[in-house]
Structures are given as structure tokens and as C-alpha cells.
Amino acid sequence: MLKPRLKLHVRILAEEQIAFGPGKAELLEAIQRTGSISQAAKSMEMSYRRAWQLVDTMNQCFHSHLVETQTGGTHGGGAVVTEFGQMILKKFRAMEQHALQTLESEFQDISNHLKINK
């Protein structure tokens, strides 16, 4: 049986730029896992160029960098989510959960009126 579900897209805008949102949060999590923008992009089936653009936008929109990079060389490069980036990610995920919890009652009321496959 299919159940209705609620899907929210929380985005933080800085003027016209999307400073942070679900895709950027996922990218930060992938960078944390892999230690690399390139590997994070690959794990998300995203081009390196696109991942780098997202990181650059985040770093430009906030007062401090969310991701710091080291250039390649004999030992290779890498990337790390800064302490500030980890804090932003944690607060963003909390915002998403809070929004879902806040809307749960209204969502249940509406979903009771949906035609769904049974």
C-alpha cells in the first residue's frame, strides 16, 4: 500500500543565491565521508565542476568557509568541512526536522483526503 508522504525543500537564500539547501547539505555530508570534493561529487553522480561551484557559492555566501581545500601534489589534495560548516549543516538538518514536525498534523489532515492506491 502506498502511503502519502511530505517532502519539503528548505532553502536559505542570500539575495538571489541559494546559500544553503538540501543538495548542498548532501554535498557537505559526502565531503565529510570522502575527504574530497571529487569523490563526493562522484558518489552523488555529479560533475566535479558542479560540486566545486556549489562549494564556492557556500563559501562566498557565509562569513566563514564551510569547506576548506588543499591543492593536489604527490599526496593528493583533499577537502574538509570546517567546524563552522559542520555547525551550519547540523542547524540546517534541525531546521528541516522542525519544519516537518510542525507541519505533521496539517499533513495528516490533508493526506486523509487523498486518493491513493490501496
N, C-alpha and C. Protein backbone atom coordinates (compact mmCIF):
# COMPACT_ATOMS: atom_id res chain seq x y z
N MET A 1 0.84 -1.18 0.00
CA MET A 1 0.00 0.00 0.00
C MET A 1 0.89 1.24 0.00
N LEU A 2 0.60 2.16 -0.87
CA LEU A 2 1.34 3.41 -0.92
C LEU A 2 0.81 4.36 0.15
N LYS A 3 1.73 5.00 0.82
CA LYS A 3 1.34 5.96 1.85
C LYS A 3 1.74 7.35 1.38
N PRO A 4 0.91 8.33 1.65
CA PRO A 4 1.30 9.69 1.31
C PRO A 4 2.50 10.11 2.16
N ARG A 5 3.31 10.97 1.61
CA ARG A 5 4.46 11.48 2.37
C ARG A 5 4.63 12.96 2.08
N LEU A 6 5.25 13.60 3.01
CA LEU A 6 5.50 15.04 2.91
C LEU A 6 6.97 15.25 2.57
N LYS A 7 7.24 16.04 1.55
CA LYS A 7 8.62 16.33 1.15
C LYS A 7 8.78 17.84 1.08
N LEU A 8 9.64 18.35 1.92
CA LEU A 8 9.90 19.79 1.96
C LEU A 8 11.27 20.09 1.37
N HIS A 9 11.40 21.26 0.79
CA HIS A 9 12.68 21.75 0.30
C HIS A 9 12.97 23.06 0.99
N VAL A 10 13.73 23.01 2.06
CA VAL A 10 14.11 24.21 2.79
C VAL A 10 15.36 24.78 2.12
N ARG A 11 15.31 26.04 1.80
CA ARG A 11 16.47 26.71 1.19
C ARG A 11 16.71 28.03 1.90
N ILE A 12 17.97 28.34 2.08
CA ILE A 12 18.36 29.61 2.67
C ILE A 12 18.94 30.46 1.55
N LEU A 13 18.32 31.61 1.32
CA LEU A 13 18.75 32.49 0.23
C LEU A 13 19.56 33.66 0.77
N ALA A 14 20.59 34.00 0.04
CA ALA A 14 21.38 35.21 0.30
C ALA A 14 21.24 36.04 -0.97
N GLU A 15 20.32 37.01 -0.91
CA GLU A 15 19.92 37.75 -2.10
C GLU A 15 19.33 36.73 -3.08
N GLU A 16 19.88 36.59 -4.26
CA GLU A 16 19.33 35.65 -5.24
C GLU A 16 20.06 34.30 -5.23
N GLN A 17 21.13 34.20 -4.47
CA GLN A 17 21.90 32.96 -4.39
C GLN A 17 21.27 32.00 -3.39
N ILE A 18 21.27 30.72 -3.72
CA ILE A 18 20.89 29.71 -2.72
C ILE A 18 22.14 29.45 -1.90
N ALA A 19 22.19 30.02 -0.71
CA ALA A 19 23.36 29.88 0.16
C ALA A 19 23.46 28.46 0.70
N PHE A 20 22.29 27.86 0.98
CA PHE A 20 22.29 26.51 1.55
C PHE A 20 20.94 25.87 1.30
N GLY A 21 20.96 24.59 1.03
CA GLY A 21 19.73 23.84 0.80
C GLY A 21 20.02 22.35 0.87
N PRO A 22 19.06 21.53 0.50
CA PRO A 22 19.22 20.08 0.63
C PRO A 22 20.39 19.52 -0.17
N GLY A 23 20.59 20.00 -1.39
CA GLY A 23 21.69 19.49 -2.21
C GLY A 23 23.05 19.85 -1.64
N LYS A 24 23.17 21.06 -1.13
CA LYS A 24 24.44 21.50 -0.54
C LYS A 24 24.70 20.76 0.77
N ALA A 25 23.63 20.49 1.52
CA ALA A 25 23.78 19.71 2.75
C ALA A 25 24.27 18.30 2.42
N GLU A 26 23.68 17.70 1.40
CA GLU A 26 24.10 16.36 0.98
C GLU A 26 25.56 16.37 0.51
N LEU A 27 25.94 17.42 -0.21
CA LEU A 27 27.32 17.54 -0.67
C LEU A 27 28.28 17.65 0.52
N LEU A 28 27.94 18.47 1.51
CA LEU A 28 28.80 18.57 2.70
C LEU A 28 28.95 17.22 3.39
N GLU A 29 27.85 16.48 3.50
CA GLU A 29 27.91 15.15 4.12
C GLU A 29 28.81 14.22 3.32
N ALA A 30 28.74 14.31 1.99
CA ALA A 30 29.58 13.47 1.13
C ALA A 30 31.05 13.87 1.26
N ILE A 31 31.32 15.16 1.37
CA ILE A 31 32.71 15.62 1.57
C ILE A 31 33.23 15.11 2.91
N GLN A 32 32.40 15.14 3.94
CA GLN A 32 32.80 14.62 5.25
C GLN A 32 33.16 13.13 5.15
N ARG A 33 32.35 12.39 4.39
CA ARG A 33 32.58 10.95 4.24
C ARG A 33 33.84 10.64 3.45
N THR A 34 34.07 11.39 2.38
CA THR A 34 35.13 11.04 1.44
C THR A 34 36.41 11.84 1.61
N GLY A 35 36.33 13.03 2.20
CA GLY A 35 37.50 13.87 2.33
C GLY A 35 37.93 14.52 1.03
N SER A 36 37.01 14.55 0.06
CA SER A 36 37.36 15.06 -1.27
C SER A 36 36.12 15.57 -1.99
N ILE A 37 36.25 16.72 -2.64
CA ILE A 37 35.14 17.23 -3.45
C ILE A 37 34.91 16.31 -4.64
N SER A 38 36.00 15.86 -5.24
CA SER A 38 35.90 14.98 -6.41
C SER A 38 35.18 13.67 -6.06
N GLN A 39 35.59 13.05 -4.98
CA GLN A 39 34.96 11.79 -4.58
C GLN A 39 33.52 12.00 -4.12
N ALA A 40 33.28 13.13 -3.46
CA ALA A 40 31.91 13.45 -3.03
C ALA A 40 31.02 13.61 -4.25
N ALA A 41 31.52 14.33 -5.27
CA ALA A 41 30.75 14.53 -6.50
C ALA A 41 30.47 13.19 -7.16
N LYS A 42 31.48 12.36 -7.24
CA LYS A 42 31.32 11.04 -7.87
C LYS A 42 30.26 10.21 -7.14
N SER A 43 30.28 10.26 -5.81
CA SER A 43 29.32 9.47 -5.03
C SER A 43 27.89 9.98 -5.22
N MET A 44 27.76 11.25 -5.63
CA MET A 44 26.44 11.85 -5.84
C MET A 44 26.07 11.87 -7.33
N GLU A 45 26.93 11.27 -8.17
CA GLU A 45 26.73 11.28 -9.61
C GLU A 45 26.57 12.71 -10.13
N MET A 46 27.50 13.55 -9.69
CA MET A 46 27.52 14.97 -10.03
C MET A 46 28.91 15.26 -10.63
N SER A 47 28.98 16.20 -11.53
CA SER A 47 30.28 16.56 -12.08
C SER A 47 31.11 17.28 -11.01
N TYR A 48 32.42 17.13 -11.14
CA TYR A 48 33.31 17.82 -10.22
C TYR A 48 33.10 19.33 -10.32
N ARG A 49 32.93 19.81 -11.55
CA ARG A 49 32.72 21.24 -11.78
C ARG A 49 31.49 21.74 -11.01
N ARG A 50 30.40 21.01 -11.09
CA ARG A 50 29.17 21.40 -10.39
C ARG A 50 29.38 21.39 -8.87
N ALA A 51 30.02 20.36 -8.37
CA ALA A 51 30.29 20.27 -6.93
C ALA A 51 31.15 21.45 -6.48
N TRP A 52 32.18 21.76 -7.28
CA TRP A 52 33.04 22.89 -6.93
C TRP A 52 32.26 24.19 -6.93
N GLN A 53 31.35 24.37 -7.90
CA GLN A 53 30.52 25.58 -7.94
C GLN A 53 29.66 25.70 -6.69
N LEU A 54 29.09 24.59 -6.24
CA LEU A 54 28.26 24.61 -5.03
C LEU A 54 29.09 24.97 -3.81
N VAL A 55 30.27 24.39 -3.70
CA VAL A 55 31.16 24.70 -2.57
C VAL A 55 31.55 26.17 -2.62
N ASP A 56 31.89 26.67 -3.80
CA ASP A 56 32.28 28.06 -3.95
C ASP A 56 31.14 29.00 -3.55
N THR A 57 29.92 28.68 -3.97
CA THR A 57 28.77 29.51 -3.60
C THR A 57 28.58 29.53 -2.09
N MET A 58 28.66 28.35 -1.45
CA MET A 58 28.52 28.31 0.01
C MET A 58 29.59 29.16 0.67
N ASN A 59 30.82 28.98 0.24
CA ASN A 59 31.93 29.71 0.87
C ASN A 59 31.80 31.22 0.66
N GLN A 60 31.24 31.64 -0.46
CA GLN A 60 31.08 33.07 -0.72
C GLN A 60 29.89 33.67 0.05
N CYS A 61 28.88 32.87 0.32
CA CYS A 61 27.66 33.38 0.96
C CYS A 61 27.77 33.54 2.47
N PHE A 62 28.69 32.82 3.09
CA PHE A 62 28.82 32.87 4.54
C PHE A 62 30.07 33.66 4.93
N HIS A 63 30.08 34.15 6.17
CA HIS A 63 31.21 34.92 6.67
C HIS A 63 32.48 34.08 6.77
N SER A 64 32.33 32.80 7.01
CA SER A 64 33.47 31.88 7.10
C SER A 64 33.24 30.73 6.13
N HIS A 65 34.32 30.10 5.70
CA HIS A 65 34.21 28.98 4.77
C HIS A 65 33.57 27.76 5.44
N LEU A 66 32.75 27.07 4.66
CA LEU A 66 32.15 25.82 5.11
C LEU A 66 33.04 24.65 4.72
N VAL A 67 33.80 24.83 3.65
CA VAL A 67 34.71 23.79 3.15
C VAL A 67 36.06 24.43 2.90
N GLU A 68 37.11 23.76 3.35
CA GLU A 68 38.47 24.18 3.04
C GLU A 68 39.11 23.10 2.20
N THR A 69 39.91 23.52 1.23
CA THR A 69 40.54 22.57 0.32
C THR A 69 42.06 22.66 0.42
N GLN A 70 42.70 21.55 0.09
CA GLN A 70 44.15 21.51 -0.05
C GLN A 70 44.43 21.12 -1.49
N THR A 71 45.37 21.82 -2.12
CA THR A 71 45.68 21.51 -3.51
C THR A 71 46.39 20.17 -3.59
N GLY A 72 46.33 19.59 -4.78
CA GLY A 72 46.95 18.27 -5.01
C GLY A 72 48.46 18.33 -4.95
N GLY A 73 49.05 17.26 -5.30
CA GLY A 73 50.50 17.13 -5.26
C GLY A 73 50.83 15.66 -5.15
N THR A 74 51.98 15.35 -4.62
CA THR A 74 52.36 13.94 -4.52
C THR A 74 51.44 13.16 -3.60
N HIS A 75 50.91 13.84 -2.60
CA HIS A 75 49.99 13.18 -1.66
C HIS A 75 48.53 13.44 -1.99
N GLY A 76 48.28 14.14 -3.08
CA GLY A 76 46.90 14.44 -3.48
C GLY A 76 46.33 15.59 -2.68
N GLY A 77 45.22 16.08 -3.13
CA GLY A 77 44.55 17.18 -2.44
C GLY A 77 43.54 16.63 -1.47
N GLY A 78 42.57 17.42 -1.19
CA GLY A 78 41.53 16.98 -0.29
C GLY A 78 40.66 18.14 0.10
N ALA A 79 39.64 17.83 0.82
CA ALA A 79 38.72 18.85 1.30
C ALA A 79 38.22 18.43 2.67
N VAL A 80 37.94 19.43 3.46
CA VAL A 80 37.41 19.17 4.80
C VAL A 80 36.28 20.15 5.07
N VAL A 81 35.23 19.64 5.69
CA VAL A 81 34.14 20.50 6.14
C VAL A 81 34.62 21.14 7.44
N THR A 82 34.64 22.45 7.47
CA THR A 82 35.14 23.17 8.64
C THR A 82 34.20 22.96 9.83
N GLU A 83 34.68 23.33 10.99
CA GLU A 83 33.84 23.29 12.19
C GLU A 83 32.59 24.16 11.98
N PHE A 84 32.79 25.33 11.35
CA PHE A 84 31.68 26.22 11.04
C PHE A 84 30.71 25.53 10.07
N GLY A 85 31.25 24.86 9.06
CA GLY A 85 30.42 24.13 8.10
C GLY A 85 29.63 23.03 8.77
N GLN A 86 30.24 22.33 9.71
CA GLN A 86 29.53 21.28 10.45
C GLN A 86 28.40 21.85 11.27
N MET A 87 28.63 23.02 11.86
CA MET A 87 27.59 23.68 12.66
C MET A 87 26.42 24.10 11.75
N ILE A 88 26.72 24.68 10.58
CA ILE A 88 25.66 25.09 9.65
C ILE A 88 24.87 23.86 9.21
N LEU A 89 25.56 22.79 8.87
CA LEU A 89 24.90 21.56 8.44
C LEU A 89 23.99 21.01 9.54
N LYS A 90 24.48 20.98 10.75
CA LYS A 90 23.69 20.46 11.88
C LYS A 90 22.44 21.32 12.11
N LYS A 91 22.60 22.63 12.07
CA LYS A 91 21.46 23.53 12.28
C LYS A 91 20.45 23.42 11.11
N PHE A 92 20.95 23.26 9.89
CA PHE A 92 20.07 23.11 8.74
C PHE A 92 19.25 21.83 8.85
N ARG A 93 19.89 20.73 9.21
CA ARG A 93 19.16 19.46 9.37
C ARG A 93 18.13 19.58 10.49
N ALA A 94 18.45 20.30 11.55
CA ALA A 94 17.49 20.53 12.64
C ALA A 94 16.31 21.36 12.14
N MET A 95 16.59 22.37 11.31
CA MET A 95 15.51 23.18 10.72
C MET A 95 14.57 22.31 9.90
N GLU A 96 15.14 21.41 9.08
CA GLU A 96 14.32 20.53 8.26
C GLU A 96 13.40 19.66 9.13
N GLN A 97 13.98 19.08 10.19
CA GLN A 97 13.19 18.24 11.08
C GLN A 97 12.11 19.03 11.80
N HIS A 98 12.45 20.21 12.23
CA HIS A 98 11.49 21.07 12.92
C HIS A 98 10.33 21.42 11.98
N ALA A 99 10.65 21.76 10.74
CA ALA A 99 9.61 22.10 9.76
C ALA A 99 8.68 20.90 9.53
N LEU A 100 9.26 19.72 9.38
CA LEU A 100 8.43 18.52 9.18
C LEU A 100 7.53 18.26 10.39
N GLN A 101 8.08 18.36 11.57
CA GLN A 101 7.28 18.13 12.79
C GLN A 101 6.18 19.17 12.92
N THR A 102 6.48 20.41 12.59
CA THR A 102 5.49 21.49 12.69
C THR A 102 4.32 21.25 11.76
N LEU A 103 4.60 20.71 10.58
CA LEU A 103 3.56 20.51 9.56
C LEU A 103 2.87 19.15 9.63
N GLU A 104 3.32 18.28 10.49
CA GLU A 104 2.82 16.90 10.52
C GLU A 104 1.31 16.81 10.71
N SER A 105 0.75 17.57 11.63
CA SER A 105 -0.68 17.50 11.91
C SER A 105 -1.51 17.91 10.69
N GLU A 106 -1.14 19.04 10.09
CA GLU A 106 -1.85 19.50 8.90
C GLU A 106 -1.68 18.53 7.74
N PHE A 107 -0.48 17.97 7.62
CA PHE A 107 -0.23 16.99 6.57
C PHE A 107 -1.13 15.76 6.75
N GLN A 108 -1.26 15.29 7.98
CA GLN A 108 -2.11 14.12 8.23
C GLN A 108 -3.56 14.44 7.88
N ASP A 109 -4.02 15.63 8.24
CA ASP A 109 -5.40 16.03 7.91
C ASP A 109 -5.62 16.02 6.40
N ILE A 110 -4.68 16.57 5.66
CA ILE A 110 -4.81 16.62 4.20
C ILE A 110 -4.67 15.24 3.59
N SER A 111 -3.71 14.45 4.07
CA SER A 111 -3.47 13.14 3.46
C SER A 111 -4.65 12.19 3.64
N ASN A 112 -5.46 12.42 4.65
CA ASN A 112 -6.66 11.59 4.85
C ASN A 112 -7.66 11.78 3.72
N HIS A 113 -7.53 12.84 2.95
CA HIS A 113 -8.46 13.12 1.86
C HIS A 113 -7.90 12.76 0.49
N LEU A 114 -6.70 12.18 0.47
CA LEU A 114 -6.07 11.82 -0.81
C LEU A 114 -6.61 10.49 -1.35
N LYS A 115 -6.74 10.41 -2.65
CA LYS A 115 -6.98 9.13 -3.30
C LYS A 115 -5.63 8.49 -3.49
N ILE A 116 -5.47 7.32 -2.90
CA ILE A 116 -4.19 6.61 -3.08
C ILE A 116 -4.51 5.16 -3.40
N ASN A 117 -3.54 4.51 -4.03
CA ASN A 117 -3.70 3.09 -4.37
C ASN A 117 -3.72 2.29 -3.09
N LYS A 118 -4.74 1.47 -2.98
CA LYS A 118 -4.84 0.61 -1.78
C LYS A 118 -4.83 -0.82 -2.18
